[in-house]
Amino acid sequence: MKIIKDKKIVDDNWSHLADDEVISQGDITVSLSRWKDEKSSLRDHAGKIGIRLA
């Protein structure tokens, strides 16, 4: 998927995980509720983690 970042079209390398999806390698986003439930294990994730508020 492509996104616009800093006025340029770039690849979106993030995986946007549903609450029931297995945590994948690389940069991921998770819901706030998943973060609250699994933050101790998510902190050990090797990639970057984004938390979706909506």
PDB file of N, CA and C in Angstrom:
ATOM      1  N   MET A   1       0.845  -1.166   0.000  1.00  0.00           N
ATOM      2  CA  MET A   1       0.000   0.000   0.000  1.00  0.00           C
ATOM      3  C   MET A   1       0.894   1.233   0.000  1.00  0.00           C
ATOM      4  N   LYS A   2       0.434   2.264  -0.638  1.00  0.00           N
ATOM      5  CA  LYS A   2       1.160   3.539  -0.680  1.00  0.00           C
ATOM      6  C   LYS A   2       0.459   4.541   0.237  1.00  0.00           C
ATOM      7  N   ILE A   3       1.245   5.408   0.871  1.00  0.00           N
ATOM      8  CA  ILE A   3       0.712   6.494   1.688  1.00  0.00           C
ATOM      9  C   ILE A   3       1.455   7.777   1.326  1.00  0.00           C
ATOM     10  N   ILE A   4       0.914   8.891   1.766  1.00  0.00           N
ATOM     11  CA  ILE A   4       1.591  10.169   1.574  1.00  0.00           C
ATOM     12  C   ILE A   4       2.259  10.541   2.890  1.00  0.00           C
ATOM     13  N   LYS A   5       3.565  10.758   2.842  1.00  0.00           N
ATOM     14  CA  LYS A   5       4.339  11.123   4.022  1.00  0.00           C
ATOM     15  C   LYS A   5       5.297  12.230   3.618  1.00  0.00           C
ATOM     16  N   ASP A   6       5.242  13.336   4.339  1.00  0.00           N
ATOM     17  CA  ASP A   6       6.104  14.481   4.036  1.00  0.00           C
ATOM     18  C   ASP A   6       5.968  14.909   2.574  1.00  0.00           C
ATOM     19  N   LYS A   7       4.733  14.937   2.089  1.00  0.00           N
ATOM     20  CA  LYS A   7       4.395  15.380   0.728  1.00  0.00           C
ATOM     21  C   LYS A   7       4.946  14.465  -0.366  1.00  0.00           C
ATOM     22  N   LYS A   8       5.296  13.217   0.003  1.00  0.00           N
ATOM     23  CA  LYS A   8       5.809  12.255  -0.972  1.00  0.00           C
ATOM     24  C   LYS A   8       5.015  10.960  -0.860  1.00  0.00           C
ATOM     25  N   ILE A   9       4.857  10.269  -1.970  1.00  0.00           N
ATOM     26  CA  ILE A   9       4.206   8.964  -1.960  1.00  0.00           C
ATOM     27  C   ILE A   9       5.263   7.914  -1.633  1.00  0.00           C
ATOM     28  N   VAL A  10       5.007   7.150  -0.562  1.00  0.00           N
ATOM     29  CA  VAL A  10       5.963   6.143  -0.094  1.00  0.00           C
ATOM     30  C   VAL A  10       5.215   4.844   0.211  1.00  0.00           C
ATOM     31  N   ASP A  11       5.958   3.749   0.331  1.00  0.00           N
ATOM     32  CA  ASP A  11       5.369   2.471   0.728  1.00  0.00           C
ATOM     33  C   ASP A  11       5.003   2.505   2.204  1.00  0.00           C
ATOM     34  N   ASP A  12       3.867   1.903   2.540  1.00  0.00           N
ATOM     35  CA  ASP A  12       3.451   1.735   3.933  1.00  0.00           C
ATOM     36  C   ASP A  12       3.960   0.373   4.378  1.00  0.00           C
ATOM     37  N   ASN A  13       5.009   0.344   5.168  1.00  0.00           N
ATOM     38  CA  ASN A  13       5.635  -0.906   5.588  1.00  0.00           C
ATOM     39  C   ASN A  13       5.100  -1.429   6.914  1.00  0.00           C
ATOM     40  N   TRP A  14       4.072  -0.799   7.451  1.00  0.00           N
ATOM     41  CA  TRP A  14       3.496  -1.213   8.723  1.00  0.00           C
ATOM     42  C   TRP A  14       2.434  -2.286   8.503  1.00  0.00           C
ATOM     43  N   SER A  15       2.351  -3.232   9.436  1.00  0.00           N
ATOM     44  CA  SER A  15       1.263  -4.213   9.450  1.00  0.00           C
ATOM     45  C   SER A  15       0.249  -3.740  10.479  1.00  0.00           C
ATOM     46  N   HIS A  16      -0.990  -3.562  10.044  1.00  0.00           N
ATOM     47  CA  HIS A  16      -2.055  -3.081  10.921  1.00  0.00           C
ATOM     48  C   HIS A  16      -2.842  -4.301  11.391  1.00  0.00           C
ATOM     49  N   LEU A  17      -2.541  -4.768  12.608  1.00  0.00           N
ATOM     50  CA  LEU A  17      -3.062  -6.043  13.091  1.00  0.00           C
ATOM     51  C   LEU A  17      -4.414  -5.895  13.778  1.00  0.00           C
ATOM     52  N   ALA A  18      -5.314  -6.827  13.466  1.00  0.00           N
ATOM     53  CA  ALA A  18      -6.570  -6.939  14.203  1.00  0.00           C
ATOM     54  C   ALA A  18      -6.258  -7.568  15.562  1.00  0.00           C
ATOM     55  N   ASP A  19      -7.191  -7.451  16.480  1.00  0.00           N
ATOM     56  CA  ASP A  19      -6.952  -7.959  17.834  1.00  0.00           C
ATOM     57  C   ASP A  19      -6.743  -9.471  17.877  1.00  0.00           C
ATOM     58  N   ASP A  20      -7.259 -10.196  16.893  1.00  0.00           N
ATOM     59  CA  ASP A  20      -7.111 -11.652  16.898  1.00  0.00           C
ATOM     60  C   ASP A  20      -5.997 -12.156  15.976  1.00  0.00           C
ATOM     61  N   GLU A  21      -5.257 -11.252  15.348  1.00  0.00           N
ATOM     62  CA  GLU A  21      -4.167 -11.666  14.452  1.00  0.00           C
ATOM     63  C   GLU A  21      -2.889 -11.956  15.236  1.00  0.00           C
ATOM     64  N   VAL A  22      -2.118 -12.894  14.713  1.00  0.00           N
ATOM     65  CA  VAL A  22      -0.823 -13.236  15.300  1.00  0.00           C
ATOM     66  C   VAL A  22       0.131 -12.068  15.067  1.00  0.00           C
ATOM     67  N   ILE A  23       0.945 -11.771  16.068  1.00  0.00           N
ATOM     68  CA  ILE A  23       1.909 -10.675  15.955  1.00  0.00           C
ATOM     69  C   ILE A  23       2.981 -11.065  14.945  1.00  0.00           C
ATOM     70  N   SER A  24       3.166 -10.212  13.956  1.00  0.00           N
ATOM     71  CA  SER A  24       4.129 -10.483  12.893  1.00  0.00           C
ATOM     72  C   SER A  24       5.423  -9.711  13.144  1.00  0.00           C
ATOM     73  N   GLN A  25       6.441 -10.051  12.376  1.00  0.00           N
ATOM     74  CA  GLN A  25       7.705  -9.329  12.474  1.00  0.00           C
ATOM     75  C   GLN A  25       7.567  -7.982  11.792  1.00  0.00           C
ATOM     76  N   GLY A  26       8.470  -7.084  12.091  1.00  0.00           N
ATOM     77  CA  GLY A  26       8.459  -5.769  11.468  1.00  0.00           C
ATOM     78  C   GLY A  26       7.655  -4.771  12.285  1.00  0.00           C
ATOM     79  N   ASP A  27       7.348  -3.648  11.670  1.00  0.00           N
ATOM     80  CA  ASP A  27       6.613  -2.579  12.341  1.00  0.00           C
ATOM     81  C   ASP A  27       5.125  -2.897  12.316  1.00  0.00           C
ATOM     82  N   ILE A  28       4.462  -2.740  13.469  1.00  0.00           N
ATOM     83  CA  ILE A  28       3.047  -3.097  13.585  1.00  0.00           C
ATOM     84  C   ILE A  28       2.266  -1.994  14.285  1.00  0.00           C
ATOM     85  N   THR A  29       0.959  -1.982  14.033  1.00  0.00           N
ATOM     86  CA  THR A  29       0.051  -1.177  14.841  1.00  0.00           C
ATOM     87  C   THR A  29      -0.948  -2.127  15.478  1.00  0.00           C
ATOM     88  N   VAL A  30      -1.336  -1.810  16.704  1.00  0.00           N
ATOM     89  CA  VAL A  30      -2.339  -2.592  17.430  1.00  0.00           C
ATOM     90  C   VAL A  30      -3.348  -1.633  18.044  1.00  0.00           C
ATOM     91  N   SER A  31      -4.505  -2.161  18.401  1.00  0.00           N
ATOM     92  CA  SER A  31      -5.520  -1.336  19.049  1.00  0.00           C
ATOM     93  C   SER A  31      -5.085  -1.003  20.477  1.00  0.00           C
ATOM     94  N   LEU A  32      -5.667   0.046  21.007  1.00  0.00           N
ATOM     95  CA  LEU A  32      -5.366   0.432  22.388  1.00  0.00           C
ATOM     96  C   LEU A  32      -5.750  -0.685  23.352  1.00  0.00           C
ATOM     97  N   SER A  33      -6.878  -1.345  23.108  1.00  0.00           N
ATOM     98  CA  SER A  33      -7.286  -2.426  24.014  1.00  0.00           C
ATOM     99  C   SER A  33      -6.302  -3.592  23.966  1.00  0.00           C
ATOM    100  N   ARG A  34      -5.790  -3.921  22.785  1.00  0.00           N
ATOM    101  CA  ARG A  34      -4.785  -4.995  22.692  1.00  0.00           C
ATOM    102  C   ARG A  34      -3.504  -4.582  23.401  1.00  0.00           C
ATOM    103  N   TRP A  35      -3.101  -3.333  23.240  1.00  0.00           N
ATOM    104  CA  TRP A  35      -1.911  -2.834  23.926  1.00  0.00           C
ATOM    105  C   TRP A  35      -2.067  -2.991  25.440  1.00  0.00           C
ATOM    106  N   LYS A  36      -3.231  -2.614  25.961  1.00  0.00           N
ATOM    107  CA  LYS A  36      -3.465  -2.718  27.406  1.00  0.00           C
ATOM    108  C   LYS A  36      -3.410  -4.170  27.865  1.00  0.00           C
ATOM    109  N   ASP A  37      -3.958  -5.092  27.061  1.00  0.00           N
ATOM    110  CA  ASP A  37      -4.000  -6.507  27.438  1.00  0.00           C
ATOM    111  C   ASP A  37      -2.657  -7.220  27.283  1.00  0.00           C
ATOM    112  N   GLU A  38      -1.839  -6.803  26.306  1.00  0.00           N
ATOM    113  CA  GLU A  38      -0.634  -7.557  25.955  1.00  0.00           C
ATOM    114  C   GLU A  38       0.653  -6.738  26.001  1.00  0.00           C
ATOM    115  N   LYS A  39       0.641  -5.600  26.707  1.00  0.00           N
ATOM    116  CA  LYS A  39       1.802  -4.708  26.611  1.00  0.00           C
ATOM    117  C   LYS A  39       3.101  -5.332  27.099  1.00  0.00           C
ATOM    118  N   SER A  40       3.049  -6.238  28.063  1.00  0.00           N
ATOM    119  CA  SER A  40       4.309  -6.837  28.527  1.00  0.00           C
ATOM    120  C   SER A  40       4.970  -7.657  27.417  1.00  0.00           C
ATOM    121  N   SER A  41       4.197  -8.396  26.641  1.00  0.00           N
ATOM    122  CA  SER A  41       4.794  -9.165  25.541  1.00  0.00           C
ATOM    123  C   SER A  41       5.077  -8.278  24.329  1.00  0.00           C
ATOM    124  N   LEU A  42       4.242  -7.273  24.089  1.00  0.00           N
ATOM    125  CA  LEU A  42       4.468  -6.382  22.949  1.00  0.00           C
ATOM    126  C   LEU A  42       5.725  -5.537  23.128  1.00  0.00           C
ATOM    127  N   ARG A  43       6.089  -5.234  24.352  1.00  0.00           N
ATOM    128  CA  ARG A  43       7.308  -4.450  24.591  1.00  0.00           C
ATOM    129  C   ARG A  43       8.557  -5.179  24.115  1.00  0.00           C
ATOM    130  N   ASP A  44       8.498  -6.494  24.030  1.00  0.00           N
ATOM    131  CA  ASP A  44       9.641  -7.288  23.567  1.00  0.00           C
ATOM    132  C   ASP A  44       9.692  -7.403  22.046  1.00  0.00           C
ATOM    133  N   HIS A  45       8.716  -6.844  21.354  1.00  0.00           N
ATOM    134  CA  HIS A  45       8.652  -6.917  19.888  1.00  0.00           C
ATOM    135  C   HIS A  45       9.857  -6.198  19.282  1.00  0.00           C
ATOM    136  N   ALA A  46      10.473  -6.816  18.289  1.00  0.00           N
ATOM    137  CA  ALA A  46      11.705  -6.268  17.700  1.00  0.00           C
ATOM    138  C   ALA A  46      11.464  -5.032  16.840  1.00  0.00           C
ATOM    139  N   GLY A  47      10.286  -4.900  16.247  1.00  0.00           N
ATOM    140  CA  GLY A  47      10.002  -3.749  15.387  1.00  0.00           C
ATOM    141  C   GLY A  47       9.381  -2.601  16.164  1.00  0.00           C
ATOM    142  N   LYS A  48       8.994  -1.573  15.427  1.00  0.00           N
ATOM    143  CA  LYS A  48       8.298  -0.438  16.031  1.00  0.00           C
ATOM    144  C   LYS A  48       6.844  -0.825  16.266  1.00  0.00           C
ATOM    145  N   ILE A  49       6.219  -0.185  17.278  1.00  0.00           N
ATOM    146  CA  ILE A  49       4.821  -0.456  17.593  1.00  0.00           C
ATOM    147  C   ILE A  49       4.053   0.854  17.611  1.00  0.00           C
ATOM    148  N   GLY A  50       2.958   0.893  16.864  1.00  0.00           N
ATOM    149  CA  GLY A  50       2.037   2.020  16.894  1.00  0.00           C
ATOM    150  C   GLY A  50       0.758   1.574  17.580  1.00  0.00           C
ATOM    151  N   ILE A  51       0.135   2.484  18.311  1.00  0.00           N
ATOM    152  CA  ILE A  51      -1.110   2.167  19.004  1.00  0.00           C
ATOM    153  C   ILE A  51      -2.230   2.976  18.366  1.00  0.00           C
ATOM    154  N   ARG A  52      -3.245   2.264  17.856  1.00  0.00           N
ATOM    155  CA  ARG A  52      -4.393   2.917  17.230  1.00  0.00           C
ATOM    156  C   ARG A  52      -5.392   3.324  18.304  1.00  0.00           C
ATOM    157  N   LEU A  53      -5.787   4.574  18.286  1.00  0.00           N
ATOM    158  CA  LEU A  53      -6.723   5.079  19.284  1.00  0.00           C
ATOM    159  C   LEU A  53      -8.172   4.942  18.844  1.00  0.00           C
ATOM    160  N   ALA A  54      -8.393   4.730  17.574  1.00  0.00           N
ATOM    161  CA  ALA A  54      -9.780   4.601  17.081  1.00  0.00           C
ATOM    162  C   ALA A  54      -9.945   3.335  16.283  1.00  0.00           C
TER     163      ALA A  54
END
